[in-house]
Amino acid sequence: MFKNPLHALHKPAALILALGIVWTAAPGPVLAAFNTDLVGQTAITSFGEMLGALDFPPASDDADGTWVLTAPDGEAAFWWRKEDRPGRMFDAYICFDAEPFVNAGADLDKLPMEMKGMLNGPGKLMVGTKLSQKPLDYSGGITPLSSFEQIVKLDRESIGYHAALDHYGVTVAPGNVFEWAKDMSKNDKDIVFVLDPKVFIDAGADPSKVDGWTYAKVPLEDARGRKFEAEKFLKPFDLK
């Protein structure tokens, strides 16, 4: 299981680094998000289908009150809340290995992190957000899918549709997204971890040398439907 990096806050030899701590809606290019019930409902349906295609279902981190969806290569994970925890740092986030970025030349001290500690082994990096603090309201059992439904219900603005890849996604900070295919039978990128590369490049990383991540220009649309391209780090997986 992908261990919760937040637990390492209590271990002096651990490193926790946080990127883009809290996302609030702001002008500028983002994945196009159309505030319609159709997008929200299809995002839920496709998320459930994606969960069913995983070799290993999301794990429950009871200590943190979150679900953990670990990438097939074990080097990244998407976490999202399942319980109300007012003191929790992030309610939705991507956690990933720091080592590939360090090996590509990134100086961790130059990353815009809120928390820093002593590096022990490869370490972890996080990019995450706080979600609405309205109480979660489950009508049935608490499952990975029903917890995702709470994001759609309470934080609809964080759910977007990426038309170029036919993906839905949860934005965990501006430019940083966990995406999944609308239809896995027609897509060879069933889940994708998406990172904004700018902070790593600014910290000295050669983006072409980050092992395990693809550095590429990705076609996007802004909130007004205007098309543009943005460079991203991508970690895609075909589940079927």
C-alpha atoms as a PDB file:
ATOM      1  CA  MET A   1       0.000   0.000   0.000  1.00  0.00           C
ATOM      2  CA  PHE A   2       1.156   3.546  -0.706  1.00  0.00           C
ATOM      3  CA  LYS A   3       1.814   4.783   2.830  1.00  0.00           C
ATOM      4  CA  ASN A   4       0.230   8.041   3.890  1.00  0.00           C
ATOM      5  CA  PRO A   5       2.932  10.751   3.748  1.00  0.00           C
ATOM      6  CA  LEU A   6       0.984  12.876   6.206  1.00  0.00           C
ATOM      7  CA  HIS A   7       1.726  10.297   8.889  1.00  0.00           C
ATOM      8  CA  ALA A   8       5.420  11.054   8.401  1.00  0.00           C
ATOM      9  CA  LEU A   9       4.886  14.459   9.957  1.00  0.00           C
ATOM     10  CA  HIS A  10       5.420  12.702  13.245  1.00  0.00           C
ATOM     11  CA  LYS A  11       8.701  11.087  12.117  1.00  0.00           C
ATOM     12  CA  PRO A  12      11.704  13.459  12.248  1.00  0.00           C
ATOM     13  CA  ALA A  13      13.607  11.658   9.484  1.00  0.00           C
ATOM     14  CA  ALA A  14      10.801  11.978   6.954  1.00  0.00           C
ATOM     15  CA  LEU A  15      10.305  14.571   4.246  1.00  0.00           C
ATOM     16  CA  ILE A  16       6.897  15.929   3.365  1.00  0.00           C
ATOM     17  CA  LEU A  17       6.723  18.563   0.678  1.00  0.00           C
ATOM     18  CA  ALA A  18       3.525  20.284  -0.339  1.00  0.00           C
ATOM     19  CA  LEU A  19       2.851  21.976  -3.662  1.00  0.00           C
ATOM     20  CA  GLY A  20       0.021  24.400  -4.424  1.00  0.00           C
ATOM     21  CA  ILE A  21      -1.448  24.069  -0.982  1.00  0.00           C
ATOM     22  CA  VAL A  22      -4.988  25.307  -1.519  1.00  0.00           C
ATOM     23  CA  TRP A  23      -6.770  25.871  -4.793  1.00  0.00           C
ATOM     24  CA  THR A  24      -9.406  28.561  -5.018  1.00  0.00           C
ATOM     25  CA  ALA A  25     -11.188  29.378  -8.237  1.00  0.00           C
ATOM     26  CA  ALA A  26      -9.334  32.079 -10.133  1.00  0.00           C
ATOM     27  CA  PRO A  27      -9.260  33.496 -13.655  1.00  0.00           C
ATOM     28  CA  GLY A  28      -6.912  31.867 -16.125  1.00  0.00           C
ATOM     29  CA  PRO A  29      -6.570  28.638 -18.121  1.00  0.00           C
ATOM     30  CA  VAL A  30      -7.830  25.502 -16.411  1.00  0.00           C
ATOM     31  CA  LEU A  31      -9.310  22.244 -17.611  1.00  0.00           C
ATOM     32  CA  ALA A  32     -12.692  23.135 -19.039  1.00  0.00           C
ATOM     33  CA  ALA A  33     -15.358  22.572 -16.420  1.00  0.00           C
ATOM     34  CA  PHE A  34     -18.937  22.816 -17.583  1.00  0.00           C
ATOM     35  CA  ASN A  35     -21.300  23.178 -14.675  1.00  0.00           C
ATOM     36  CA  THR A  36     -23.980  20.801 -15.849  1.00  0.00           C
ATOM     37  CA  ASP A  37     -25.484  17.774 -14.193  1.00  0.00           C
ATOM     38  CA  LEU A  38     -24.547  15.697 -17.223  1.00  0.00           C
ATOM     39  CA  VAL A  39     -20.820  16.264 -16.696  1.00  0.00           C
ATOM     40  CA  GLY A  40     -21.088  15.618 -12.973  1.00  0.00           C
ATOM     41  CA  GLN A  41     -23.147  12.457 -13.368  1.00  0.00           C
ATOM     42  CA  THR A  42     -20.969  11.060 -16.157  1.00  0.00           C
ATOM     43  CA  ALA A  43     -17.894  11.812 -14.081  1.00  0.00           C
ATOM     44  CA  ILE A  44     -19.380   9.672 -11.304  1.00  0.00           C
ATOM     45  CA  THR A  45     -20.354   6.835 -13.643  1.00  0.00           C
ATOM     46  CA  SER A  46     -16.962   6.727 -15.353  1.00  0.00           C
ATOM     47  CA  PHE A  47     -15.136   6.987 -12.020  1.00  0.00           C
ATOM     48  CA  GLY A  48     -17.017   3.912 -10.830  1.00  0.00           C
ATOM     49  CA  GLU A  49     -16.126   2.022 -14.003  1.00  0.00           C
ATOM     50  CA  MET A  50     -12.490   2.992 -13.557  1.00  0.00           C
ATOM     51  CA  LEU A  51     -12.504   1.742  -9.959  1.00  0.00           C
ATOM     52  CA  GLY A  52     -13.876  -1.583 -11.158  1.00  0.00           C
ATOM     53  CA  ALA A  53     -11.008  -1.977 -13.629  1.00  0.00           C
ATOM     54  CA  LEU A  54      -8.246  -1.577 -11.037  1.00  0.00           C
ATOM     55  CA  ASP A  55      -6.236  -4.684 -10.193  1.00  0.00           C
ATOM     56  CA  PHE A  56      -6.186  -3.506  -6.581  1.00  0.00           C
ATOM     57  CA  PRO A  57      -9.155  -1.522  -5.224  1.00  0.00           C
ATOM     58  CA  PRO A  58      -8.525   1.739  -3.368  1.00  0.00           C
ATOM     59  CA  ALA A  59      -7.304   1.179   0.172  1.00  0.00           C
ATOM     60  CA  SER A  60      -8.820   2.822   3.195  1.00  0.00           C
ATOM     61  CA  ASP A  61      -6.505   4.909   5.347  1.00  0.00           C
ATOM     62  CA  ASP A  62      -8.559   4.891   8.513  1.00  0.00           C
ATOM     63  CA  ALA A  63      -6.038   6.999  10.419  1.00  0.00           C
ATOM     64  CA  ASP A  64      -6.447   9.853   7.954  1.00  0.00           C
ATOM     65  CA  GLY A  65     -10.044   9.213   6.882  1.00  0.00           C
ATOM     66  CA  THR A  66      -9.147   8.950   3.204  1.00  0.00           C
ATOM     67  CA  TRP A  67      -9.159   6.558   0.259  1.00  0.00           C
ATOM     68  CA  VAL A  68      -5.922   5.755  -1.579  1.00  0.00           C
ATOM     69  CA  LEU A  69      -5.793   4.823  -5.259  1.00  0.00           C
ATOM     70  CA  THR A  70      -2.243   3.714  -6.012  1.00  0.00           C
ATOM     71  CA  ALA A  71      -0.823   3.781  -9.533  1.00  0.00           C
ATOM     72  CA  PRO A  72       0.087   0.393 -11.052  1.00  0.00           C
ATOM     73  CA  ASP A  73       3.792   1.294 -10.835  1.00  0.00           C
ATOM     74  CA  GLY A  74       3.478   2.171  -7.143  1.00  0.00           C
ATOM     75  CA  GLU A  75       5.131   5.559  -7.648  1.00  0.00           C
ATOM     76  CA  ALA A  76       2.088   7.817  -7.356  1.00  0.00           C
ATOM     77  CA  ALA A  77      -1.289   7.778  -5.682  1.00  0.00           C
ATOM     78  CA  PHE A  78      -4.513   9.777  -5.601  1.00  0.00           C
ATOM     79  CA  TRP A  79      -6.023  10.358  -2.154  1.00  0.00           C
ATOM     80  CA  TRP A  80      -9.514  11.683  -1.430  1.00  0.00           C
ATOM     81  CA  ARG A  81     -11.473  12.118   1.772  1.00  0.00           C
ATOM     82  CA  LYS A  82     -14.034   9.656   3.011  1.00  0.00           C
ATOM     83  CA  GLU A  83     -14.669  11.238   6.426  1.00  0.00           C
ATOM     84  CA  ASP A  84     -14.817  14.738   7.875  1.00  0.00           C
ATOM     85  CA  ARG A  85     -11.471  15.617   9.459  1.00  0.00           C
ATOM     86  CA  PRO A  86     -11.274  19.377  10.152  1.00  0.00           C
ATOM     87  CA  GLY A  87      -7.561  19.279  10.983  1.00  0.00           C
ATOM     88  CA  ARG A  88      -6.492  17.387   7.896  1.00  0.00           C
ATOM     89  CA  MET A  89      -4.010  19.235   5.675  1.00  0.00           C
ATOM     90  CA  PHE A  90      -5.491  18.080   2.355  1.00  0.00           C
ATOM     91  CA  ASP A  91      -8.840  16.562   1.420  1.00  0.00           C
ATOM     92  CA  ALA A  92      -7.756  15.572  -2.094  1.00  0.00           C
ATOM     93  CA  TYR A  93      -4.196  15.231  -3.287  1.00  0.00           C
ATOM     94  CA  ILE A  94      -1.664  13.471  -5.463  1.00  0.00           C
ATOM     95  CA  CYS A  95       1.364  12.017  -3.717  1.00  0.00           C
ATOM     96  CA  PHE A  96       4.359  10.843  -5.737  1.00  0.00           C
ATOM     97  CA  ASP A  97       7.996   9.820  -5.415  1.00  0.00           C
ATOM     98  CA  ALA A  98      10.491  12.677  -5.211  1.00  0.00           C
ATOM     99  CA  GLU A  99      13.468  10.656  -6.422  1.00  0.00           C
ATOM    100  CA  PRO A 100      12.858  10.970 -10.207  1.00  0.00           C
ATOM    101  CA  PHE A 101      12.742  14.763  -9.899  1.00  0.00           C
ATOM    102  CA  VAL A 102      15.831  14.905  -7.692  1.00  0.00           C
ATOM    103  CA  ASN A 103      17.711  12.668 -10.125  1.00  0.00           C
ATOM    104  CA  ALA A 104      16.709  15.036 -12.939  1.00  0.00           C
ATOM    105  CA  GLY A 105      18.365  17.931 -11.125  1.00  0.00           C
ATOM    106  CA  ALA A 106      15.610  19.437  -8.952  1.00  0.00           C
ATOM    107  CA  ASP A 107      16.807  21.124  -5.778  1.00  0.00           C
ATOM    108  CA  LEU A 108      14.069  20.357  -3.264  1.00  0.00           C
ATOM    109  CA  ASP A 109      14.932  23.462  -1.263  1.00  0.00           C
ATOM    110  CA  LYS A 110      13.894  25.555  -4.265  1.00  0.00           C
ATOM    111  CA  LEU A 111      10.434  24.048  -4.514  1.00  0.00           C
ATOM    112  CA  PRO A 112       7.634  26.288  -3.184  1.00  0.00           C
ATOM    113  CA  MET A 113       6.800  23.983  -0.322  1.00  0.00           C
ATOM    114  CA  GLU A 114       5.059  24.822   2.901  1.00  0.00           C
ATOM    115  CA  MET A 115       6.645  21.994   4.846  1.00  0.00           C
ATOM    116  CA  LYS A 116      10.198  20.741   4.737  1.00  0.00           C
ATOM    117  CA  GLY A 117      12.073  18.144   6.739  1.00  0.00           C
ATOM    118  CA  MET A 118      15.080  15.925   6.551  1.00  0.00           C
ATOM    119  CA  LEU A 119      15.268  13.748   3.442  1.00  0.00           C
ATOM    120  CA  ASN A 120      15.371  10.045   4.260  1.00  0.00           C
ATOM    121  CA  GLY A 121      15.435   7.854   1.176  1.00  0.00           C
ATOM    122  CA  PRO A 122      13.578   8.937  -1.949  1.00  0.00           C
ATOM    123  CA  GLY A 123      10.938  10.921  -0.028  1.00  0.00           C
ATOM    124  CA  LYS A 124       7.515  12.001  -1.215  1.00  0.00           C
ATOM    125  CA  LEU A 125       6.062  15.111  -2.792  1.00  0.00           C
ATOM    126  CA  MET A 126       2.446  16.165  -2.525  1.00  0.00           C
ATOM    127  CA  VAL A 127       0.178  18.518  -4.390  1.00  0.00           C
ATOM    128  CA  GLY A 128      -3.227  18.928  -2.827  1.00  0.00           C
ATOM    129  CA  THR A 129      -6.185  21.027  -1.808  1.00  0.00           C
ATOM    130  CA  LYS A 130      -8.727  21.523   0.920  1.00  0.00           C
ATOM    131  CA  LEU A 131     -12.291  20.859  -0.152  1.00  0.00           C
ATOM    132  CA  SER A 132     -15.556  22.310   1.079  1.00  0.00           C
ATOM    133  CA  GLN A 133     -15.894  22.045   4.833  1.00  0.00           C
ATOM    134  CA  LYS A 134     -19.604  21.381   4.600  1.00  0.00           C
ATOM    135  CA  PRO A 135     -20.487  18.113   6.385  1.00  0.00           C
ATOM    136  CA  LEU A 136     -20.370  15.000   4.236  1.00  0.00           C
ATOM    137  CA  ASP A 137     -23.849  13.550   3.779  1.00  0.00           C
ATOM    138  CA  TYR A 138     -23.892   9.883   2.801  1.00  0.00           C
ATOM    139  CA  SER A 139     -27.251   8.390   1.942  1.00  0.00           C
ATOM    140  CA  GLY A 140     -25.864   4.839   2.029  1.00  0.00           C
ATOM    141  CA  GLY A 141     -22.620   3.045   2.713  1.00  0.00           C
ATOM    142  CA  ILE A 142     -19.259   4.772   2.605  1.00  0.00           C
ATOM    143  CA  THR A 143     -17.329   3.475  -0.403  1.00  0.00           C
ATOM    144  CA  PRO A 144     -14.639   4.941  -2.675  1.00  0.00           C
ATOM    145  CA  LEU A 145     -17.345   5.823  -5.197  1.00  0.00           C
ATOM    146  CA  SER A 146     -19.763   7.369  -2.701  1.00  0.00           C
ATOM    147  CA  SER A 147     -16.904   9.468  -1.305  1.00  0.00           C
ATOM    148  CA  PHE A 148     -16.120  10.679  -4.815  1.00  0.00           C
ATOM    149  CA  GLU A 149     -19.807  11.531  -5.231  1.00  0.00           C
ATOM    150  CA  GLN A 150     -19.416  13.845  -2.241  1.00  0.00           C
ATOM    151  CA  ILE A 151     -16.739  15.785  -4.143  1.00  0.00           C
ATOM    152  CA  VAL A 152     -19.102  16.195  -7.090  1.00  0.00           C
ATOM    153  CA  LYS A 153     -21.898  17.253  -4.748  1.00  0.00           C
ATOM    154  CA  LEU A 154     -19.949  19.683  -2.546  1.00  0.00           C
ATOM    155  CA  ASP A 155     -17.024  20.751  -4.756  1.00  0.00           C
ATOM    156  CA  ARG A 156     -18.441  20.670  -8.269  1.00  0.00           C
ATOM    157  CA  GLU A 157     -15.944  23.290  -9.479  1.00  0.00           C
ATOM    158  CA  SER A 158     -13.065  20.858  -8.899  1.00  0.00           C
ATOM    159  CA  ILE A 159     -14.485  18.384 -11.453  1.00  0.00           C
ATOM    160  CA  GLY A 160     -13.531  19.039 -15.072  1.00  0.00           C
ATOM    161  CA  TYR A 161     -13.769  17.476 -18.505  1.00  0.00           C
ATOM    162  CA  HIS A 162     -10.647  17.282 -20.678  1.00  0.00           C
ATOM    163  CA  ALA A 163     -12.041  17.076 -24.190  1.00  0.00           C
ATOM    164  CA  ALA A 164      -8.747  16.351 -25.988  1.00  0.00           C
ATOM    165  CA  LEU A 165      -8.242  13.095 -24.069  1.00  0.00           C
ATOM    166  CA  ASP A 166     -11.950  12.436 -23.363  1.00  0.00           C
ATOM    167  CA  HIS A 167     -11.158  12.398 -19.647  1.00  0.00           C
ATOM    168  CA  TYR A 168     -12.808  13.595 -16.483  1.00  0.00           C
ATOM    169  CA  GLY A 169     -10.623  14.831 -13.672  1.00  0.00           C
ATOM    170  CA  VAL A 170     -10.272  16.182 -10.153  1.00  0.00           C
ATOM    171  CA  THR A 171      -8.118  19.291  -9.956  1.00  0.00           C
ATOM    172  CA  VAL A 172      -6.068  19.129  -6.762  1.00  0.00           C
ATOM    173  CA  ALA A 173      -4.258  22.437  -7.425  1.00  0.00           C
ATOM    174  CA  PRO A 174      -4.055  24.688 -10.493  1.00  0.00           C
ATOM    175  CA  GLY A 175      -2.533  22.660 -13.312  1.00  0.00           C
ATOM    176  CA  ASN A 176      -2.387  19.451 -11.256  1.00  0.00           C
ATOM    177  CA  VAL A 177      -5.080  16.852 -11.915  1.00  0.00           C
ATOM    178  CA  PHE A 178      -5.984  13.217 -11.463  1.00  0.00           C
ATOM    179  CA  GLU A 179      -7.801  12.130 -14.635  1.00  0.00           C
ATOM    180  CA  TRP A 180      -9.657   9.029 -15.815  1.00  0.00           C
ATOM    181  CA  ALA A 181     -11.165   8.012 -19.152  1.00  0.00           C
ATOM    182  CA  LYS A 182     -14.812   8.591 -19.901  1.00  0.00           C
ATOM    183  CA  ASP A 183     -14.842   5.308 -21.855  1.00  0.00           C
ATOM    184  CA  MET A 184     -11.965   2.917 -21.166  1.00  0.00           C
ATOM    185  CA  SER A 185     -12.874   0.737 -24.142  1.00  0.00           C
ATOM    186  CA  LYS A 186     -11.969   3.619 -26.456  1.00  0.00           C
ATOM    187  CA  ASN A 187      -8.991   5.014 -24.560  1.00  0.00           C
ATOM    188  CA  ASP A 188      -5.498   3.678 -23.874  1.00  0.00           C
ATOM    189  CA  LYS A 189      -4.941   6.177 -21.072  1.00  0.00           C
ATOM    190  CA  ASP A 190      -7.453   5.005 -18.484  1.00  0.00           C
ATOM    191  CA  ILE A 191      -5.949   6.974 -15.604  1.00  0.00           C
ATOM    192  CA  VAL A 192      -3.424   9.793 -15.746  1.00  0.00           C
ATOM    193  CA  PHE A 193      -1.582  11.684 -13.028  1.00  0.00           C
ATOM    194  CA  VAL A 194      -0.984  15.219 -14.319  1.00  0.00           C
ATOM    195  CA  LEU A 195       1.540  17.648 -12.801  1.00  0.00           C
ATOM    196  CA  ASP A 196       2.421  21.242 -13.606  1.00  0.00           C
ATOM    197  CA  PRO A 197       6.160  21.092 -14.450  1.00  0.00           C
ATOM    198  CA  LYS A 198       6.994  24.760 -13.865  1.00  0.00           C
ATOM    199  CA  VAL A 199       7.978  24.458 -10.204  1.00  0.00           C
ATOM    200  CA  PHE A 200      10.303  21.553 -10.964  1.00  0.00           C
ATOM    201  CA  ILE A 201      11.922  23.303 -13.901  1.00  0.00           C
ATOM    202  CA  ASP A 202      12.355  26.437 -11.783  1.00  0.00           C
ATOM    203  CA  ALA A 203      14.027  24.222  -9.172  1.00  0.00           C
ATOM    204  CA  GLY A 204      16.564  23.006 -11.725  1.00  0.00           C
ATOM    205  CA  ALA A 205      15.039  19.796 -13.077  1.00  0.00           C
ATOM    206  CA  ASP A 206      15.615  18.806 -16.697  1.00  0.00           C
ATOM    207  CA  PRO A 207      12.044  17.812 -17.636  1.00  0.00           C
ATOM    208  CA  SER A 208      13.263  15.358 -20.274  1.00  0.00           C
ATOM    209  CA  LYS A 209      15.144  13.379 -17.617  1.00  0.00           C
ATOM    210  CA  VAL A 210      12.363  12.776 -15.082  1.00  0.00           C
ATOM    211  CA  ASP A 211      12.102   8.992 -15.088  1.00  0.00           C
ATOM    212  CA  GLY A 212       8.600   7.544 -15.067  1.00  0.00           C
ATOM    213  CA  TRP A 213       6.914  10.748 -16.224  1.00  0.00           C
ATOM    214  CA  THR A 214       6.258  11.918 -19.778  1.00  0.00           C
ATOM    215  CA  TYR A 215       6.936  15.580 -20.473  1.00  0.00           C
ATOM    216  CA  ALA A 216       4.628  16.770 -23.242  1.00  0.00           C
ATOM    217  CA  LYS A 217       2.452  19.561 -24.544  1.00  0.00           C
ATOM    218  CA  VAL A 218      -1.184  18.825 -23.796  1.00  0.00           C
ATOM    219  CA  PRO A 219      -4.138  20.424 -25.640  1.00  0.00           C
ATOM    220  CA  LEU A 220      -6.542  22.080 -23.203  1.00  0.00           C
ATOM    221  CA  GLU A 221      -9.448  24.497 -23.131  1.00  0.00           C
ATOM    222  CA  ASP A 222     -10.038  27.359 -20.769  1.00  0.00           C
ATOM    223  CA  ALA A 223     -13.322  28.082 -19.041  1.00  0.00           C
ATOM    224  CA  ARG A 224     -14.551  29.924 -22.168  1.00  0.00           C
ATOM    225  CA  GLY A 225     -13.758  27.034 -24.476  1.00  0.00           C
ATOM    226  CA  ARG A 226     -10.667  28.642 -25.968  1.00  0.00           C
ATOM    227  CA  LYS A 227      -8.051  26.080 -26.986  1.00  0.00           C
ATOM    228  CA  PHE A 228      -4.415  26.285 -25.948  1.00  0.00           C
ATOM    229  CA  GLU A 229      -1.499  24.001 -25.154  1.00  0.00           C
ATOM    230  CA  ALA A 230       0.345  23.597 -21.868  1.00  0.00           C
ATOM    231  CA  GLU A 231       3.387  21.548 -20.932  1.00  0.00           C
ATOM    232  CA  LYS A 232       2.701  18.848 -18.355  1.00  0.00           C
ATOM    233  CA  PHE A 233       4.272  15.900 -16.640  1.00  0.00           C
ATOM    234  CA  LEU A 234       2.059  12.873 -17.333  1.00  0.00           C
ATOM    235  CA  LYS A 235       1.970   9.424 -15.778  1.00  0.00           C
ATOM    236  CA  PRO A 236      -0.650   7.446 -17.767  1.00  0.00           C
ATOM    237  CA  PHE A 237      -1.829   3.861 -17.345  1.00  0.00           C
ATOM    238  CA  ASP A 238      -3.965   1.526 -19.444  1.00  0.00           C
ATOM    239  CA  LEU A 239      -6.089  -0.569 -17.090  1.00  0.00           C
ATOM    240  CA  LYS A 240      -7.745  -2.730 -19.728  1.00  0.00           C
END
